[in-house]
């Protein structure tokens, strides 16, 4: 069985200046690489894939991805290419976003279902995790994602949040909470 580990932290909502989610994600990556592999990210050569997804140039066996939304930041490390997405449930233009995210035939199904908000966020995080897995990012029309390619896992998060992981093969996931005060303060622009 393939393995993945998710390092996550909470961002102090009172101290949100700049892009704290991005910074926390970078710090988590640096911390996780050291904890799992004794890799100092500051000394590791990174590169960008075809679509701009970063990777460790000299460690093709280690894959990672970062996400942040609301009070959470998370980083997943895995032994295969991986994508992760977390979204805080907020008041959004659900119909407008659905038109960009899912095929037209799914929109009515989601909006008329028993829990439109949950179905909306499930589709959103699954599709975001997919494009982060492939590295295509927003260059990929999310409405055309082949949902049968690879494998996905919905994350069990607190109410008001949805999350997903996508990879080629199923993974056993381990969670590791990391208090933000344990993370380095110099990781704001690692990659």
C-alpha atoms as a PDB file:
ATOM      1  CA  UNK A   1       0.000   0.000   0.000  1.00  0.00           C
ATOM      2  CA  UNK A   2       1.252   3.483  -0.847  1.00  0.00           C
ATOM      3  CA  UNK A   3       1.669   5.911   2.032  1.00  0.00           C
ATOM      4  CA  UNK A   4       1.066   9.597   2.518  1.00  0.00           C
ATOM      5  CA  UNK A   5       1.415  11.868   5.524  1.00  0.00           C
ATOM      6  CA  UNK A   6      -0.487  15.110   5.974  1.00  0.00           C
ATOM      7  CA  UNK A   7       1.099  17.752   8.181  1.00  0.00           C
ATOM      8  CA  UNK A   8      -1.419  20.426   9.150  1.00  0.00           C
ATOM      9  CA  UNK A   9      -1.647  23.498  11.331  1.00  0.00           C
ATOM     10  CA  UNK A  10      -4.066  26.232  12.311  1.00  0.00           C
ATOM     11  CA  UNK A  11      -3.390  29.831  11.373  1.00  0.00           C
ATOM     12  CA  UNK A  12      -4.194  32.435  14.017  1.00  0.00           C
ATOM     13  CA  UNK A  13      -7.140  34.260  12.484  1.00  0.00           C
ATOM     14  CA  UNK A  14      -6.335  37.470  14.389  1.00  0.00           C
ATOM     15  CA  UNK A  15      -2.844  37.699  12.901  1.00  0.00           C
ATOM     16  CA  UNK A  16      -3.680  37.323   9.221  1.00  0.00           C
ATOM     17  CA  UNK A  17      -1.530  39.710   7.223  1.00  0.00           C
ATOM     18  CA  UNK A  18      -0.050  39.111   3.794  1.00  0.00           C
ATOM     19  CA  UNK A  19      -0.641  35.513   2.757  1.00  0.00           C
ATOM     20  CA  UNK A  20      -0.356  33.535   6.013  1.00  0.00           C
ATOM     21  CA  UNK A  21      -1.822  30.350   4.504  1.00  0.00           C
ATOM     22  CA  UNK A  22       0.852  30.222   1.816  1.00  0.00           C
ATOM     23  CA  UNK A  23       3.601  30.983   4.323  1.00  0.00           C
ATOM     24  CA  UNK A  24       2.299  28.326   6.737  1.00  0.00           C
ATOM     25  CA  UNK A  25       2.140  25.794   3.885  1.00  0.00           C
ATOM     26  CA  UNK A  26       5.759  26.527   2.978  1.00  0.00           C
ATOM     27  CA  UNK A  27       6.804  26.168   6.610  1.00  0.00           C
ATOM     28  CA  UNK A  28       4.918  22.873   6.887  1.00  0.00           C
ATOM     29  CA  UNK A  29       6.695  21.549   3.793  1.00  0.00           C
ATOM     30  CA  UNK A  30      10.089  22.472   5.211  1.00  0.00           C
ATOM     31  CA  UNK A  31       9.226  20.963   8.605  1.00  0.00           C
ATOM     32  CA  UNK A  32       7.689  17.778   7.136  1.00  0.00           C
ATOM     33  CA  UNK A  33      10.642  17.090   4.837  1.00  0.00           C
ATOM     34  CA  UNK A  34      12.983  17.344   7.797  1.00  0.00           C
ATOM     35  CA  UNK A  35      10.790  15.218  10.093  1.00  0.00           C
ATOM     36  CA  UNK A  36      10.179  12.461   7.528  1.00  0.00           C
ATOM     37  CA  UNK A  37      13.451  12.374   5.547  1.00  0.00           C
ATOM     38  CA  UNK A  38      15.958  14.676   7.306  1.00  0.00           C
ATOM     39  CA  UNK A  39      15.961  16.833   4.161  1.00  0.00           C
ATOM     40  CA  UNK A  40      16.834  20.507   4.627  1.00  0.00           C
ATOM     41  CA  UNK A  41      14.639  22.141   1.995  1.00  0.00           C
ATOM     42  CA  UNK A  42      16.820  25.248   2.035  1.00  0.00           C
ATOM     43  CA  UNK A  43      19.696  23.121   0.732  1.00  0.00           C
ATOM     44  CA  UNK A  44      17.657  21.008  -1.677  1.00  0.00           C
ATOM     45  CA  UNK A  45      17.455  21.859  -5.375  1.00  0.00           C
ATOM     46  CA  UNK A  46      13.870  22.355  -6.530  1.00  0.00           C
ATOM     47  CA  UNK A  47      12.511  22.562 -10.055  1.00  0.00           C
ATOM     48  CA  UNK A  48       9.180  23.102 -11.777  1.00  0.00           C
ATOM     49  CA  UNK A  49       7.302  20.508 -13.805  1.00  0.00           C
ATOM     50  CA  UNK A  50       5.770  21.086 -17.233  1.00  0.00           C
ATOM     51  CA  UNK A  51       2.870  23.092 -15.782  1.00  0.00           C
ATOM     52  CA  UNK A  52       4.765  24.735 -12.935  1.00  0.00           C
ATOM     53  CA  UNK A  53       4.276  22.207 -10.134  1.00  0.00           C
ATOM     54  CA  UNK A  54       7.376  22.254  -7.890  1.00  0.00           C
ATOM     55  CA  UNK A  55       9.341  19.126  -7.073  1.00  0.00           C
ATOM     56  CA  UNK A  56      12.628  18.070  -5.479  1.00  0.00           C
ATOM     57  CA  UNK A  57      15.043  17.736  -8.379  1.00  0.00           C
ATOM     58  CA  UNK A  58      17.291  15.124  -6.759  1.00  0.00           C
ATOM     59  CA  UNK A  59      14.583  13.194  -4.890  1.00  0.00           C
ATOM     60  CA  UNK A  60      12.092  11.882  -7.494  1.00  0.00           C
ATOM     61  CA  UNK A  61      10.798   9.386  -4.904  1.00  0.00           C
ATOM     62  CA  UNK A  62       9.339  12.142  -2.698  1.00  0.00           C
ATOM     63  CA  UNK A  63       6.200  13.989  -3.802  1.00  0.00           C
ATOM     64  CA  UNK A  64       4.410  16.835  -2.064  1.00  0.00           C
ATOM     65  CA  UNK A  65       1.569  19.286  -2.357  1.00  0.00           C
ATOM     66  CA  UNK A  66       0.318  22.190  -0.231  1.00  0.00           C
ATOM     67  CA  UNK A  67      -3.126  23.631   0.425  1.00  0.00           C
ATOM     68  CA  UNK A  68      -4.604  26.318   2.658  1.00  0.00           C
ATOM     69  CA  UNK A  69      -8.057  27.712   3.277  1.00  0.00           C
ATOM     70  CA  UNK A  70      -9.647  29.453   6.225  1.00  0.00           C
ATOM     71  CA  UNK A  71      -7.771  28.658   9.408  1.00  0.00           C
ATOM     72  CA  UNK A  72      -5.955  25.599   8.015  1.00  0.00           C
ATOM     73  CA  UNK A  73      -2.773  24.989   6.083  1.00  0.00           C
ATOM     74  CA  UNK A  74      -1.699  21.476   5.117  1.00  0.00           C
ATOM     75  CA  UNK A  75       1.135  19.752   3.307  1.00  0.00           C
ATOM     76  CA  UNK A  76       1.062  16.161   2.084  1.00  0.00           C
ATOM     77  CA  UNK A  77       4.187  14.078   1.455  1.00  0.00           C
ATOM     78  CA  UNK A  78       3.809  10.831  -0.472  1.00  0.00           C
ATOM     79  CA  UNK A  79       5.689   8.119  -2.307  1.00  0.00           C
ATOM     80  CA  UNK A  80       3.730   8.905  -5.493  1.00  0.00           C
ATOM     81  CA  UNK A  81       2.542  12.039  -7.270  1.00  0.00           C
ATOM     82  CA  UNK A  82      -0.201  13.608  -5.138  1.00  0.00           C
ATOM     83  CA  UNK A  83      -2.592  16.554  -4.910  1.00  0.00           C
ATOM     84  CA  UNK A  84      -4.461  17.888  -1.882  1.00  0.00           C
ATOM     85  CA  UNK A  85      -7.122  20.552  -1.505  1.00  0.00           C
ATOM     86  CA  UNK A  86      -8.988  21.949   1.496  1.00  0.00           C
ATOM     87  CA  UNK A  87     -11.763  24.521   1.208  1.00  0.00           C
ATOM     88  CA  UNK A  88     -13.515  26.469   3.933  1.00  0.00           C
ATOM     89  CA  UNK A  89     -17.262  26.669   3.335  1.00  0.00           C
ATOM     90  CA  UNK A  90     -18.069  30.315   2.744  1.00  0.00           C
ATOM     91  CA  UNK A  91     -20.910  32.262   1.210  1.00  0.00           C
ATOM     92  CA  UNK A  92     -20.057  31.976  -2.478  1.00  0.00           C
ATOM     93  CA  UNK A  93     -21.663  32.309  -5.880  1.00  0.00           C
ATOM     94  CA  UNK A  94     -22.317  28.580  -6.003  1.00  0.00           C
ATOM     95  CA  UNK A  95     -23.946  28.580  -9.453  1.00  0.00           C
ATOM     96  CA  UNK A  96     -21.153  30.673 -10.982  1.00  0.00           C
ATOM     97  CA  UNK A  97     -18.440  28.439  -9.568  1.00  0.00           C
ATOM     98  CA  UNK A  98     -20.298  25.244 -10.496  1.00  0.00           C
ATOM     99  CA  UNK A  99     -20.416  26.427 -14.121  1.00  0.00           C
ATOM    100  CA  UNK A 100     -16.602  26.563 -14.045  1.00  0.00           C
ATOM    101  CA  UNK A 101     -16.036  23.361 -12.081  1.00  0.00           C
ATOM    102  CA  UNK A 102     -18.493  20.622 -13.105  1.00  0.00           C
ATOM    103  CA  UNK A 103     -20.087  19.458 -16.360  1.00  0.00           C
ATOM    104  CA  UNK A 104     -23.388  21.201 -17.161  1.00  0.00           C
ATOM    105  CA  UNK A 105     -25.417  18.027 -16.528  1.00  0.00           C
ATOM    106  CA  UNK A 106     -24.206  17.883 -12.879  1.00  0.00           C
ATOM    107  CA  UNK A 107     -25.234  21.424 -11.932  1.00  0.00           C
ATOM    108  CA  UNK A 108     -28.968  20.680 -11.500  1.00  0.00           C
ATOM    109  CA  UNK A 109     -28.186  17.397  -9.757  1.00  0.00           C
ATOM    110  CA  UNK A 110     -26.050  19.253  -7.179  1.00  0.00           C
ATOM    111  CA  UNK A 111     -28.409  22.210  -6.689  1.00  0.00           C
ATOM    112  CA  UNK A 112     -31.515  20.003  -6.400  1.00  0.00           C
ATOM    113  CA  UNK A 113     -29.864  17.413  -4.131  1.00  0.00           C
ATOM    114  CA  UNK A 114     -30.456  16.996  -0.400  1.00  0.00           C
ATOM    115  CA  UNK A 115     -27.313  19.002   0.587  1.00  0.00           C
ATOM    116  CA  UNK A 116     -26.232  21.317  -2.250  1.00  0.00           C
ATOM    117  CA  UNK A 117     -23.476  22.979  -0.221  1.00  0.00           C
ATOM    118  CA  UNK A 118     -21.831  19.675   0.674  1.00  0.00           C
ATOM    119  CA  UNK A 119     -22.116  18.349  -2.911  1.00  0.00           C
ATOM    120  CA  UNK A 120     -20.709  21.635  -4.241  1.00  0.00           C
ATOM    121  CA  UNK A 121     -17.645  21.504  -1.989  1.00  0.00           C
ATOM    122  CA  UNK A 122     -17.076  17.787  -2.602  1.00  0.00           C
ATOM    123  CA  UNK A 123     -16.892  18.425  -6.343  1.00  0.00           C
ATOM    124  CA  UNK A 124     -14.709  21.492  -5.836  1.00  0.00           C
ATOM    125  CA  UNK A 125     -12.098  19.817  -3.607  1.00  0.00           C
ATOM    126  CA  UNK A 126     -12.017  16.644  -5.701  1.00  0.00           C
ATOM    127  CA  UNK A 127     -11.371  18.591  -8.888  1.00  0.00           C
ATOM    128  CA  UNK A 128      -8.825  20.930  -7.277  1.00  0.00           C
ATOM    129  CA  UNK A 129      -6.964  17.934  -5.818  1.00  0.00           C
ATOM    130  CA  UNK A 130      -6.989  16.332  -9.275  1.00  0.00           C
ATOM    131  CA  UNK A 131      -5.433  19.328 -11.066  1.00  0.00           C
ATOM    132  CA  UNK A 132      -2.873  19.642  -8.274  1.00  0.00           C
ATOM    133  CA  UNK A 133      -2.076  15.920  -8.630  1.00  0.00           C
ATOM    134  CA  UNK A 134      -1.484  16.188 -12.370  1.00  0.00           C
ATOM    135  CA  UNK A 135       0.237  19.543 -11.991  1.00  0.00           C
ATOM    136  CA  UNK A 136      -2.028  21.073 -14.638  1.00  0.00           C
ATOM    137  CA  UNK A 137      -3.438  23.656 -12.276  1.00  0.00           C
ATOM    138  CA  UNK A 138      -6.026  26.035 -13.617  1.00  0.00           C
ATOM    139  CA  UNK A 139      -4.812  25.420 -17.176  1.00  0.00           C
ATOM    140  CA  UNK A 140      -7.082  22.363 -17.073  1.00  0.00           C
ATOM    141  CA  UNK A 141     -10.795  22.869 -17.705  1.00  0.00           C
ATOM    142  CA  UNK A 142     -12.100  21.367 -14.465  1.00  0.00           C
ATOM    143  CA  UNK A 143     -15.384  20.398 -16.156  1.00  0.00           C
ATOM    144  CA  UNK A 144     -13.487  17.870 -18.298  1.00  0.00           C
ATOM    145  CA  UNK A 145     -11.603  16.040 -15.547  1.00  0.00           C
ATOM    146  CA  UNK A 146     -11.789  12.259 -16.044  1.00  0.00           C
ATOM    147  CA  UNK A 147     -13.035  11.357 -12.574  1.00  0.00           C
ATOM    148  CA  UNK A 148     -12.228   7.674 -13.180  1.00  0.00           C
ATOM    149  CA  UNK A 149      -8.494   8.375 -13.628  1.00  0.00           C
ATOM    150  CA  UNK A 150      -6.370   7.780 -10.527  1.00  0.00           C
ATOM    151  CA  UNK A 151      -7.955   7.534  -7.106  1.00  0.00           C
ATOM    152  CA  UNK A 152      -9.388  10.063  -4.703  1.00  0.00           C
ATOM    153  CA  UNK A 153     -10.041  10.211  -0.998  1.00  0.00           C
ATOM    154  CA  UNK A 154     -12.358  12.656   0.743  1.00  0.00           C
ATOM    155  CA  UNK A 155     -10.807  13.932   3.962  1.00  0.00           C
ATOM    156  CA  UNK A 156     -12.723  13.791   7.236  1.00  0.00           C
ATOM    157  CA  UNK A 157     -12.588  17.417   8.426  1.00  0.00           C
ATOM    158  CA  UNK A 158     -14.549  19.508  10.885  1.00  0.00           C
ATOM    159  CA  UNK A 159     -17.920  20.970   9.867  1.00  0.00           C
ATOM    160  CA  UNK A 160     -17.500  23.917   7.535  1.00  0.00           C
ATOM    161  CA  UNK A 161     -14.492  22.424   5.712  1.00  0.00           C
ATOM    162  CA  UNK A 162     -14.097  19.938   2.884  1.00  0.00           C
ATOM    163  CA  UNK A 163     -10.932  18.293   1.627  1.00  0.00           C
ATOM    164  CA  UNK A 164      -9.659  15.702  -0.812  1.00  0.00           C
ATOM    165  CA  UNK A 165      -6.473  13.930  -1.866  1.00  0.00           C
ATOM    166  CA  UNK A 166      -5.864  12.570  -5.361  1.00  0.00           C
ATOM    167  CA  UNK A 167      -3.164  10.137  -6.501  1.00  0.00           C
ATOM    168  CA  UNK A 168      -2.564   7.358  -9.025  1.00  0.00           C
ATOM    169  CA  UNK A 169      -2.911   4.498  -6.509  1.00  0.00           C
ATOM    170  CA  UNK A 170      -4.815   4.300  -3.191  1.00  0.00           C
ATOM    171  CA  UNK A 171      -2.867   5.515  -0.167  1.00  0.00           C
ATOM    172  CA  UNK A 172      -2.854   4.965   3.546  1.00  0.00           C
ATOM    173  CA  UNK A 173      -2.930   8.473   5.066  1.00  0.00           C
ATOM    174  CA  UNK A 174      -1.404   9.493   8.391  1.00  0.00           C
ATOM    175  CA  UNK A 175      -2.220  12.885   9.943  1.00  0.00           C
ATOM    176  CA  UNK A 176       0.322  14.898  11.938  1.00  0.00           C
ATOM    177  CA  UNK A 177      -0.807  18.074  13.658  1.00  0.00           C
ATOM    178  CA  UNK A 178       1.986  20.632  13.850  1.00  0.00           C
ATOM    179  CA  UNK A 179       1.515  23.717  16.018  1.00  0.00           C
ATOM    180  CA  UNK A 180       2.492  26.801  14.039  1.00  0.00           C
ATOM    181  CA  UNK A 181       4.913  27.901  16.770  1.00  0.00           C
ATOM    182  CA  UNK A 182       7.044  24.794  16.044  1.00  0.00           C
ATOM    183  CA  UNK A 183       7.603  25.868  12.464  1.00  0.00           C
ATOM    184  CA  UNK A 184      10.599  27.894  11.294  1.00  0.00           C
ATOM    185  CA  UNK A 185      10.095  31.618  10.820  1.00  0.00           C
ATOM    186  CA  UNK A 186      12.263  31.853   7.687  1.00  0.00           C
ATOM    187  CA  UNK A 187      10.256  29.780   5.196  1.00  0.00           C
ATOM    188  CA  UNK A 188       8.274  32.516   3.436  1.00  0.00           C
ATOM    189  CA  UNK A 189       9.767  31.944  -0.025  1.00  0.00           C
ATOM    190  CA  UNK A 190      11.207  28.450  -0.212  1.00  0.00           C
ATOM    191  CA  UNK A 191       9.747  27.489  -3.589  1.00  0.00           C
END
